Amino acid sequence: VAAIFWAGLVTQVMFGGQFGDNPVSDVELVILFVAVGLGLPYF
């Protein structure tokens, strides 16, 4: 699950692509990445 958000961050924020059919904004994706991509495994 965390890897999905890592992939989204890399694809959309770092490489400027679009992640998914209905992508969230970069800011929202970074927030989701911190919460799920980092927070879930840490929890």
All heavy atoms as atom14 arrays in JSON, in Angstrom:
{
  "sequence": "VAAIFWAGLVTQVMFGGQFGDNPVSDVELVILFVAVGLGLPYF",
  "atom14_mask": [
    [1, 1, 1, 1, 1, 1, 1, 0, 0, 0, 0, 0, 0, 0],
    [1, 1, 1, 1, 1, 0, 0, 0, 0, 0, 0, 0, 0, 0],
    [1, 1, 1, 1, 1, 0, 0, 0, 0, 0, 0, 0, 0, 0],
    [1, 1, 1, 1, 1, 1, 1, 1, 0, 0, 0, 0, 0, 0],
    [1, 1, 1, 1, 1, 1, 1, 1, 1, 1, 1, 0, 0, 0],
    [1, 1, 1, 1, 1, 1, 1, 1, 1, 1, 1, 1, 1, 1],
    [1, 1, 1, 1, 1, 0, 0, 0, 0, 0, 0, 0, 0, 0],
    [1, 1, 1, 1, 0, 0, 0, 0, 0, 0, 0, 0, 0, 0],
    [1, 1, 1, 1, 1, 1, 1, 1, 0, 0, 0, 0, 0, 0],
    [1, 1, 1, 1, 1, 1, 1, 0, 0, 0, 0, 0, 0, 0],
    [1, 1, 1, 1, 1, 1, 1, 0, 0, 0, 0, 0, 0, 0],
    [1, 1, 1, 1, 1, 1, 1, 1, 1, 0, 0, 0, 0, 0],
    [1, 1, 1, 1, 1, 1, 1, 0, 0, 0, 0, 0, 0, 0],
    [1, 1, 1, 1, 1, 1, 1, 1, 0, 0, 0, 0, 0, 0],
    [1, 1, 1, 1, 1, 1, 1, 1, 1, 1, 1, 0, 0, 0],
    [1, 1, 1, 1, 0, 0, 0, 0, 0, 0, 0, 0, 0, 0],
    [1, 1, 1, 1, 0, 0, 0, 0, 0, 0, 0, 0, 0, 0],
    [1, 1, 1, 1, 1, 1, 1, 1, 1, 0, 0, 0, 0, 0],
    [1, 1, 1, 1, 1, 1, 1, 1, 1, 1, 1, 0, 0, 0],
    [1, 1, 1, 1, 0, 0, 0, 0, 0, 0, 0, 0, 0, 0],
    [1, 1, 1, 1, 1, 1, 1, 1, 0, 0, 0, 0, 0, 0],
    [1, 1, 1, 1, 1, 1, 1, 1, 0, 0, 0, 0, 0, 0],
    [1, 1, 1, 1, 1, 1, 1, 0, 0, 0, 0, 0, 0, 0],
    [1, 1, 1, 1, 1, 1, 1, 0, 0, 0, 0, 0, 0, 0],
    [1, 1, 1, 1, 1, 1, 0, 0, 0, 0, 0, 0, 0, 0],
    [1, 1, 1, 1, 1, 1, 1, 1, 0, 0, 0, 0, 0, 0],
    [1, 1, 1, 1, 1, 1, 1, 0, 0, 0, 0, 0, 0, 0],
    [1, 1, 1, 1, 1, 1, 1, 1, 1, 0, 0, 0, 0, 0],
    [1, 1, 1, 1, 1, 1, 1, 1, 0, 0, 0, 0, 0, 0],
    [1, 1, 1, 1, 1, 1, 1, 0, 0, 0, 0, 0, 0, 0],
    [1, 1, 1, 1, 1, 1, 1, 1, 0, 0, 0, 0, 0, 0],
    [1, 1, 1, 1, 1, 1, 1, 1, 0, 0, 0, 0, 0, 0],
    [1, 1, 1, 1, 1, 1, 1, 1, 1, 1, 1, 0, 0, 0],
    [1, 1, 1, 1, 1, 1, 1, 0, 0, 0, 0, 0, 0, 0],
    [1, 1, 1, 1, 1, 0, 0, 0, 0, 0, 0, 0, 0, 0],
    [1, 1, 1, 1, 1, 1, 1, 0, 0, 0, 0, 0, 0, 0],
    [1, 1, 1, 1, 0, 0, 0, 0, 0, 0, 0, 0, 0, 0],
    [1, 1, 1, 1, 1, 1, 1, 1, 0, 0, 0, 0, 0, 0],
    [1, 1, 1, 1, 0, 0, 0, 0, 0, 0, 0, 0, 0, 0],
    [1, 1, 1, 1, 1, 1, 1, 1, 0, 0, 0, 0, 0, 0],
    [1, 1, 1, 1, 1, 1, 1, 0, 0, 0, 0, 0, 0, 0],
    [1, 1, 1, 1, 1, 1, 1, 1, 1, 1, 1, 1, 0, 0],
    [1, 1, 1, 1, 1, 1, 1, 1, 1, 1, 1, 0, 0, 0]
  ],
  "atom14_positions": [
    [[0.85, -1.2, 0.0], [0.0, 0.0, 0.0], [0.88, 1.25, 0.0], [0.63, 2.2, -0.75], [-0.97, -0.02, 1.21], [-1.68, 1.32, 1.36], [-1.98, -1.14, 1.07], [0.0, 0.0, 0.0], [0.0, 0.0, 0.0], [0.0, 0.0, 0.0], [0.0, 0.0, 0.0], [0.0, 0.0, 0.0], [0.0, 0.0, 0.0], [0.0, 0.0, 0.0]],
    [[1.91, 1.24, 0.84], [2.81, 2.4, 0.89], [3.5, 2.62, -0.46], [3.68, 3.77, -0.89], [3.86, 2.2, 1.98], [0.0, 0.0, 0.0], [0.0, 0.0, 0.0], [0.0, 0.0, 0.0], [0.0, 0.0, 0.0], [0.0, 0.0, 0.0], [0.0, 0.0, 0.0], [0.0, 0.0, 0.0], [0.0, 0.0, 0.0], [0.0, 0.0, 0.0]],
    [[3.86, 1.54, -1.14], [4.55, 1.64, -2.43], [3.7, 2.35, -3.48], [4.24, 3.04, -4.36], [4.96, 0.25, -2.93], [0.0, 0.0, 0.0], [0.0, 0.0, 0.0], [0.0, 0.0, 0.0], [0.0, 0.0, 0.0], [0.0, 0.0, 0.0], [0.0, 0.0, 0.0], [0.0, 0.0, 0.0], [0.0, 0.0, 0.0], [0.0, 0.0, 0.0]],
    [[2.4, 2.19, -3.41], [1.51, 2.89, -4.34], [1.71, 4.4, -4.21], [1.78, 5.12, -5.21], [0.03, 2.49, -4.11], [-0.17, 1.02, -4.46], [-0.92, 3.4, -4.88], [-1.5, 0.44, -4.01], [0.0, 0.0, 0.0], [0.0, 0.0, 0.0], [0.0, 0.0, 0.0], [0.0, 0.0, 0.0], [0.0, 0.0, 0.0], [0.0, 0.0, 0.0]],
    [[1.81, 4.87, -2.97], [1.97, 6.31, -2.75], [3.38, 6.77, -3.09], [3.58, 7.91, -3.53], [1.56, 6.66, -1.32], [0.08, 6.53, -1.14], [-0.49, 5.32, -0.79], [-0.76, 7.61, -1.37], [-1.86, 5.19, -0.66], [-2.13, 7.49, -1.25], [-2.68, 6.27, -0.9], [0.0, 0.0, 0.0], [0.0, 0.0, 0.0], [0.0, 0.0, 0.0]],
    [[4.37, 5.91, -2.9], [5.73, 6.22, -3.34], [5.74, 6.37, -4.87], [6.33, 7.3, -5.4], [6.71, 5.11, -2.92], [7.13, 5.2, -1.49], [6.45, 4.73, -0.4], [8.32, 5.78, -0.99], [7.16, 4.99, 0.74], [8.32, 5.63, 0.41], [9.41, 6.4, -1.6], [9.35, 6.08, 1.21], [10.44, 6.85, -0.79], [10.41, 6.7, 0.6]],
    [[5.08, 5.44, -5.55], [5.03, 5.49, -7.02], [4.32, 6.76, -7.48], [4.74, 7.41, -8.46], [4.32, 4.26, -7.57], [0.0, 0.0, 0.0], [0.0, 0.0, 0.0], [0.0, 0.0, 0.0], [0.0, 0.0, 0.0], [0.0, 0.0, 0.0], [0.0, 0.0, 0.0], [0.0, 0.0, 0.0], [0.0, 0.0, 0.0], [0.0, 0.0, 0.0]],
    [[3.24, 7.11, -6.79], [2.52, 8.34, -7.14], [3.38, 9.57, -6.97], [3.4, 10.46, -7.83], [0.0, 0.0, 0.0], [0.0, 0.0, 0.0], [0.0, 0.0, 0.0], [0.0, 0.0, 0.0], [0.0, 0.0, 0.0], [0.0, 0.0, 0.0], [0.0, 0.0, 0.0], [0.0, 0.0, 0.0], [0.0, 0.0, 0.0], [0.0, 0.0, 0.0]],
    [[4.11, 9.62, -5.88], [4.99, 10.77, -5.62], [6.06, 10.88, -6.69], [6.29, 11.96, -7.25], [5.63, 10.62, -4.23], [6.53, 11.79, -3.83], [5.66, 12.96, -3.35], [7.5, 11.37, -2.74], [0.0, 0.0, 0.0], [0.0, 0.0, 0.0], [0.0, 0.0, 0.0], [0.0, 0.0, 0.0], [0.0, 0.0, 0.0], [0.0, 0.0, 0.0]],
    [[6.71, 9.79, -7.0], [7.77, 9.8, -8.01], [7.21, 10.18, -9.38], [7.74, 11.06, -10.07], [8.5, 8.43, -8.06], [9.41, 8.34, -9.27], [9.27, 8.19, -6.77], [0.0, 0.0, 0.0], [0.0, 0.0, 0.0], [0.0, 0.0, 0.0], [0.0, 0.0, 0.0], [0.0, 0.0, 0.0], [0.0, 0.0, 0.0], [0.0, 0.0, 0.0]],
    [[6.11, 9.53, -9.77], [5.53, 9.77, -11.1], [5.05, 11.2, -11.27], [5.37, 11.86, -12.27], [4.35, 8.8, -11.34], [4.83, 7.47, -11.23], [3.71, 9.02, -12.69], [0.0, 0.0, 0.0], [0.0, 0.0, 0.0], [0.0, 0.0, 0.0], [0.0, 0.0, 0.0], [0.0, 0.0, 0.0], [0.0, 0.0, 0.0], [0.0, 0.0, 0.0]],
    [[4.26, 11.67, -10.31], [3.58, 12.95, -10.49], [4.41, 14.14, -10.0], [4.54, 15.14, -10.71], [2.23, 12.93, -9.78], [1.4, 14.18, -10.02], [-0.02, 14.02, -9.53], [-0.64, 13.0, -9.81], [-0.52, 15.0, -8.81], [0.0, 0.0, 0.0], [0.0, 0.0, 0.0], [0.0, 0.0, 0.0], [0.0, 0.0, 0.0], [0.0, 0.0, 0.0]],
    [[4.97, 14.05, -8.81], [5.66, 15.21, -8.24], [7.08, 15.34, -8.77], [7.52, 16.43, -9.13], [5.63, 15.15, -6.69], [6.4, 16.3, -6.07], [4.19, 15.13, -6.18], [0.0, 0.0, 0.0], [0.0, 0.0, 0.0], [0.0, 0.0, 0.0], [0.0, 0.0, 0.0], [0.0, 0.0, 0.0], [0.0, 0.0, 0.0], [0.0, 0.0, 0.0]],
    [[7.8, 14.23, -8.84], [9.21, 14.32, -9.24], [9.39, 14.37, -10.76], [10.27, 15.08, -11.26], [10.0, 13.15, -8.65], [9.99, 13.17, -7.12], [10.8, 11.77, -6.4], [12.41, 12.47, -6.12], [0.0, 0.0, 0.0], [0.0, 0.0, 0.0], [0.0, 0.0, 0.0], [0.0, 0.0, 0.0], [0.0, 0.0, 0.0], [0.0, 0.0, 0.0]],
    [[8.56, 13.6, -11.5], [8.72, 13.57, -12.96], [7.65, 14.35, -13.71], [7.67, 14.4, -14.93], [8.74, 12.12, -13.46], [9.97, 11.36, -13.03], [9.86, 10.1, -12.49], [11.23, 11.91, -13.19], [10.98, 9.39, -12.09], [12.37, 11.21, -12.79], [12.24, 9.95, -12.23], [0.0, 0.0, 0.0], [0.0, 0.0, 0.0], [0.0, 0.0, 0.0]],
    [[6.7, 14.93, -12.99], [5.69, 15.79, -13.63], [4.63, 15.06, -14.42], [3.87, 15.69, -15.16], [0.0, 0.0, 0.0], [0.0, 0.0, 0.0], [0.0, 0.0, 0.0], [0.0, 0.0, 0.0], [0.0, 0.0, 0.0], [0.0, 0.0, 0.0], [0.0, 0.0, 0.0], [0.0, 0.0, 0.0], [0.0, 0.0, 0.0], [0.0, 0.0, 0.0]],
    [[4.56, 13.75, -14.29], [3.53, 13.0, -14.98], [2.2, 13.06, -14.24], [2.02, 13.82, -13.29], [0.0, 0.0, 0.0], [0.0, 0.0, 0.0], [0.0, 0.0, 0.0], [0.0, 0.0, 0.0], [0.0, 0.0, 0.0], [0.0, 0.0, 0.0], [0.0, 0.0, 0.0], [0.0, 0.0, 0.0], [0.0, 0.0, 0.0], [0.0, 0.0, 0.0]],
    [[1.27, 12.26, -14.72], [-0.05, 12.2, -14.1], [-0.18, 10.81, -13.47], [0.06, 9.81, -14.12], [-1.13, 12.41, -15.16], [-2.53, 12.3, -14.63], [-3.57, 12.56, -15.73], [-3.42, 13.49, -16.51], [-4.58, 11.73, -15.76], [0.0, 0.0, 0.0], [0.0, 0.0, 0.0], [0.0, 0.0, 0.0], [0.0, 0.0, 0.0], [0.0, 0.0, 0.0]],
    [[-0.57, 10.77, -12.19], [-0.72, 9.49, -11.5], [-2.2, 9.19, -11.35], [-2.91, 9.8, -10.55], [-0.02, 9.53, -10.13], [0.02, 8.19, -9.46], [0.83, 7.17, -9.94], [-0.75, 7.92, -8.34], [0.87, 5.93, -9.34], [-0.71, 6.69, -7.72], [0.1, 5.68, -8.22], [0.0, 0.0, 0.0], [0.0, 0.0, 0.0], [0.0, 0.0, 0.0]],
    [[-2.68, 8.24, -12.14], [-4.08, 7.84, -12.1], [-4.93, 8.58, -13.1], [-4.49, 9.51, -13.76], [0.0, 0.0, 0.0], [0.0, 0.0, 0.0], [0.0, 0.0, 0.0], [0.0, 0.0, 0.0], [0.0, 0.0, 0.0], [0.0, 0.0, 0.0], [0.0, 0.0, 0.0], [0.0, 0.0, 0.0], [0.0, 0.0, 0.0], [0.0, 0.0, 0.0]],
    [[-6.2, 8.13, -13.22], [-7.13, 8.72, -14.17], [-7.68, 10.07, -13.7], [-8.08, 10.9, -14.49], [-8.32, 7.78, -14.41], [-7.89, 6.5, -15.11], [-6.85, 6.53, -15.8], [-8.59, 5.49, -14.95], [0.0, 0.0, 0.0], [0.0, 0.0, 0.0], [0.0, 0.0, 0.0], [0.0, 0.0, 0.0], [0.0, 0.0, 0.0], [0.0, 0.0, 0.0]],
    [[-7.75, 10.23, -12.39], [-8.3, 11.45, -11.81], [-7.34, 11.91, -10.71], [-7.63, 11.79, -9.54], [-9.7, 11.18, -11.26], [-10.42, 12.43, -10.85], [-10.0, 13.53, -11.16], [-11.5, 12.25, -10.11], [0.0, 0.0, 0.0], [0.0, 0.0, 0.0], [0.0, 0.0, 0.0], [0.0, 0.0, 0.0], [0.0, 0.0, 0.0], [0.0, 0.0, 0.0]],
    [[-6.16, 12.44, -11.1], [-5.11, 12.71, -10.1], [-5.47, 13.85, -9.15], [-6.17, 14.79, -9.51], [-3.9, 13.09, -10.96], [-4.46, 13.57, -12.24], [-5.75, 12.81, -12.44], [0.0, 0.0, 0.0], [0.0, 0.0, 0.0], [0.0, 0.0, 0.0], [0.0, 0.0, 0.0], [0.0, 0.0, 0.0], [0.0, 0.0, 0.0], [0.0, 0.0, 0.0]],
    [[-4.96, 13.72, -7.93], [-5.09, 14.79, -6.95], [-3.97, 15.79, -7.24], [-3.06, 15.53, -8.03], [-4.99, 14.25, -5.5], [-6.14, 13.32, -5.19], [-3.66, 13.58, -5.24], [0.0, 0.0, 0.0], [0.0, 0.0, 0.0], [0.0, 0.0, 0.0], [0.0, 0.0, 0.0], [0.0, 0.0, 0.0], [0.0, 0.0, 0.0], [0.0, 0.0, 0.0]],
    [[-4.02, 16.95, -6.58], [-2.96, 17.95, -6.78], [-1.66, 17.43, -6.17], [-1.66, 16.49, -5.38], [-3.36, 19.27, -6.11], [-3.29, 19.13, -4.7], [0.0, 0.0, 0.0], [0.0, 0.0, 0.0], [0.0, 0.0, 0.0], [0.0, 0.0, 0.0], [0.0, 0.0, 0.0], [0.0, 0.0, 0.0], [0.0, 0.0, 0.0], [0.0, 0.0, 0.0]],
    [[-0.57, 18.04, -6.56], [0.74, 17.65, -6.02], [0.78, 17.79, -4.5], [1.33, 16.94, -3.8], [1.86, 18.48, -6.65], [2.14, 18.09, -8.1], [1.49, 17.14, -8.59], [3.01, 18.72, -8.72], [0.0, 0.0, 0.0], [0.0, 0.0, 0.0], [0.0, 0.0, 0.0], [0.0, 0.0, 0.0], [0.0, 0.0, 0.0], [0.0, 0.0, 0.0]],
    [[0.2, 18.87, -3.98], [0.19, 19.1, -2.53], [-0.6, 17.99, -1.83], [-0.15, 17.44, -0.82], [-0.4, 20.49, -2.19], [-0.61, 20.66, -0.7], [0.5, 21.59, -2.73], [0.0, 0.0, 0.0], [0.0, 0.0, 0.0], [0.0, 0.0, 0.0], [0.0, 0.0, 0.0], [0.0, 0.0, 0.0], [0.0, 0.0, 0.0], [0.0, 0.0, 0.0]],
    [[-1.76, 17.67, -2.37], [-2.56, 16.59, -1.78], [-1.82, 15.25, -1.85], [-1.86, 14.46, -0.9], [-3.91, 16.46, -2.49], [-4.84, 17.64, -2.25], [-6.06, 17.61, -3.16], [-5.91, 17.28, -4.36], [-7.16, 17.95, -2.67], [0.0, 0.0, 0.0], [0.0, 0.0, 0.0], [0.0, 0.0, 0.0], [0.0, 0.0, 0.0], [0.0, 0.0, 0.0]],
    [[-1.13, 15.01, -2.93], [-0.39, 13.76, -3.09], [0.77, 13.69, -2.09], [1.02, 12.63, -1.5], [0.13, 13.6, -4.51], [0.8, 12.26, -4.82], [-0.13, 11.09, -4.53], [1.25, 12.22, -6.28], [0.0, 0.0, 0.0], [0.0, 0.0, 0.0], [0.0, 0.0, 0.0], [0.0, 0.0, 0.0], [0.0, 0.0, 0.0], [0.0, 0.0, 0.0]],
    [[1.44, 14.8, -1.86], [2.52, 14.82, -0.87], [1.95, 14.54, 0.53], [2.54, 13.78, 1.3], [3.3, 16.16, -0.91], [4.23, 16.3, 0.29], [4.08, 16.27, -2.2], [0.0, 0.0, 0.0], [0.0, 0.0, 0.0], [0.0, 0.0, 0.0], [0.0, 0.0, 0.0], [0.0, 0.0, 0.0], [0.0, 0.0, 0.0], [0.0, 0.0, 0.0]],
    [[0.81, 15.13, 0.85], [0.17, 14.88, 2.15], [-0.21, 13.4, 2.28], [0.05, 12.77, 3.31], [-1.06, 15.8, 2.34], [-0.61, 17.25, 2.49], [-1.91, 15.36, 3.54], [-1.72, 18.27, 2.4], [0.0, 0.0, 0.0], [0.0, 0.0, 0.0], [0.0, 0.0, 0.0], [0.0, 0.0, 0.0], [0.0, 0.0, 0.0], [0.0, 0.0, 0.0]],
    [[-0.8, 12.83, 1.23], [-1.15, 11.41, 1.24], [0.1, 10.53, 1.35], [0.1, 9.52, 2.04], [-1.96, 11.04, 0.0], [-3.4, 11.54, -0.03], [-4.0, 11.34, -1.43], [-4.22, 10.82, 1.02], [0.0, 0.0, 0.0], [0.0, 0.0, 0.0], [0.0, 0.0, 0.0], [0.0, 0.0, 0.0], [0.0, 0.0, 0.0], [0.0, 0.0, 0.0]],
    [[1.16, 10.93, 0.64], [2.41, 10.19, 0.71], [2.96, 10.16, 2.13], [3.38, 9.12, 2.63], [3.44, 10.8, -0.24], [4.84, 10.32, 0.01], [5.22, 9.05, -0.38], [5.75, 11.12, 0.68], [6.52, 8.59, -0.13], [7.04, 10.67, 0.94], [7.42, 9.4, 0.53], [0.0, 0.0, 0.0], [0.0, 0.0, 0.0], [0.0, 0.0, 0.0]],
    [[2.97, 11.31, 2.79], [3.48, 11.37, 4.16], [2.6, 10.52, 5.08], [3.11, 9.74, 5.9], [3.57, 12.82, 4.66], [3.86, 12.89, 6.15], [4.64, 13.58, 3.88], [0.0, 0.0, 0.0], [0.0, 0.0, 0.0], [0.0, 0.0, 0.0], [0.0, 0.0, 0.0], [0.0, 0.0, 0.0], [0.0, 0.0, 0.0], [0.0, 0.0, 0.0]],
    [[1.27, 10.63, 4.93], [0.36, 9.89, 5.8], [0.41, 8.38, 5.56], [0.5, 7.6, 6.5], [-1.06, 10.41, 5.62], [0.0, 0.0, 0.0], [0.0, 0.0, 0.0], [0.0, 0.0, 0.0], [0.0, 0.0, 0.0], [0.0, 0.0, 0.0], [0.0, 0.0, 0.0], [0.0, 0.0, 0.0], [0.0, 0.0, 0.0], [0.0, 0.0, 0.0]],
    [[0.35, 7.97, 4.3], [0.24, 6.54, 3.99], [1.59, 5.95, 3.58], [1.95, 4.86, 4.05], [-0.82, 6.3, 2.89], [-0.95, 4.82, 2.59], [-2.17, 6.88, 3.29], [0.0, 0.0, 0.0], [0.0, 0.0, 0.0], [0.0, 0.0, 0.0], [0.0, 0.0, 0.0], [0.0, 0.0, 0.0], [0.0, 0.0, 0.0], [0.0, 0.0, 0.0]],
    [[2.33, 6.64, 2.75], [3.6, 6.1, 2.26], [4.67, 6.02, 3.34], [5.51, 5.12, 3.32], [0.0, 0.0, 0.0], [0.0, 0.0, 0.0], [0.0, 0.0, 0.0], [0.0, 0.0, 0.0], [0.0, 0.0, 0.0], [0.0, 0.0, 0.0], [0.0, 0.0, 0.0], [0.0, 0.0, 0.0], [0.0, 0.0, 0.0], [0.0, 0.0, 0.0]],
    [[4.64, 6.96, 4.27], [5.59, 6.95, 5.38], [4.92, 6.59, 6.7], [5.43, 5.8, 7.49], [6.27, 8.32, 5.52], [7.13, 8.79, 4.36], [7.63, 10.21, 4.61], [8.29, 7.84, 4.12], [0.0, 0.0, 0.0], [0.0, 0.0, 0.0], [0.0, 0.0, 0.0], [0.0, 0.0, 0.0], [0.0, 0.0, 0.0], [0.0, 0.0, 0.0]],
    [[3.76, 7.19, 6.96], [3.07, 7.03, 8.24], [2.57, 5.62, 8.53], [2.73, 5.12, 9.64], [0.0, 0.0, 0.0], [0.0, 0.0, 0.0], [0.0, 0.0, 0.0], [0.0, 0.0, 0.0], [0.0, 0.0, 0.0], [0.0, 0.0, 0.0], [0.0, 0.0, 0.0], [0.0, 0.0, 0.0], [0.0, 0.0, 0.0], [0.0, 0.0, 0.0]],
    [[1.99, 4.99, 7.54], [1.44, 3.64, 7.75], [2.53, 2.63, 8.12], [2.4, 1.94, 9.14], [0.65, 3.18, 6.53], [-0.04, 1.82, 6.65], [-1.18, 1.88, 7.67], [-0.57, 1.38, 5.29], [0.0, 0.0, 0.0], [0.0, 0.0, 0.0], [0.0, 0.0, 0.0], [0.0, 0.0, 0.0], [0.0, 0.0, 0.0], [0.0, 0.0, 0.0]],
    [[3.62, 2.53, 7.36], [4.68, 1.6, 7.77], [5.27, 1.96, 9.14], [5.55, 1.08, 9.95], [5.73, 1.72, 6.68], [5.02, 2.28, 5.51], [3.92, 3.13, 6.06], [0.0, 0.0, 0.0], [0.0, 0.0, 0.0], [0.0, 0.0, 0.0], [0.0, 0.0, 0.0], [0.0, 0.0, 0.0], [0.0, 0.0, 0.0], [0.0, 0.0, 0.0]],
    [[5.46, 3.23, 9.41], [6.01, 3.66, 10.7], [5.07, 3.26, 11.83], [5.51, 2.77, 12.88], [6.25, 5.16, 10.69], [6.85, 5.67, 11.99], [8.19, 5.46, 12.27], [6.07, 6.34, 12.92], [8.75, 5.91, 13.45], [6.62, 6.79, 14.1], [7.96, 6.57, 14.37], [8.5, 7.02, 15.55], [0.0, 0.0, 0.0], [0.0, 0.0, 0.0]],
    [[3.78, 3.47, 11.63], [2.76, 3.12, 12.63], [2.83, 1.63, 12.96], [2.86, 1.24, 14.13], [1.37, 3.5, 12.1], [0.25, 3.16, 13.03], [0.0, 3.92, 14.16], [-0.59, 2.09, 12.75], [-1.05, 3.61, 15.01], [-1.64, 1.78, 13.59], [-1.88, 2.54, 14.72], [0.0, 0.0, 0.0], [0.0, 0.0, 0.0], [0.0, 0.0, 0.0]]
  ]
}
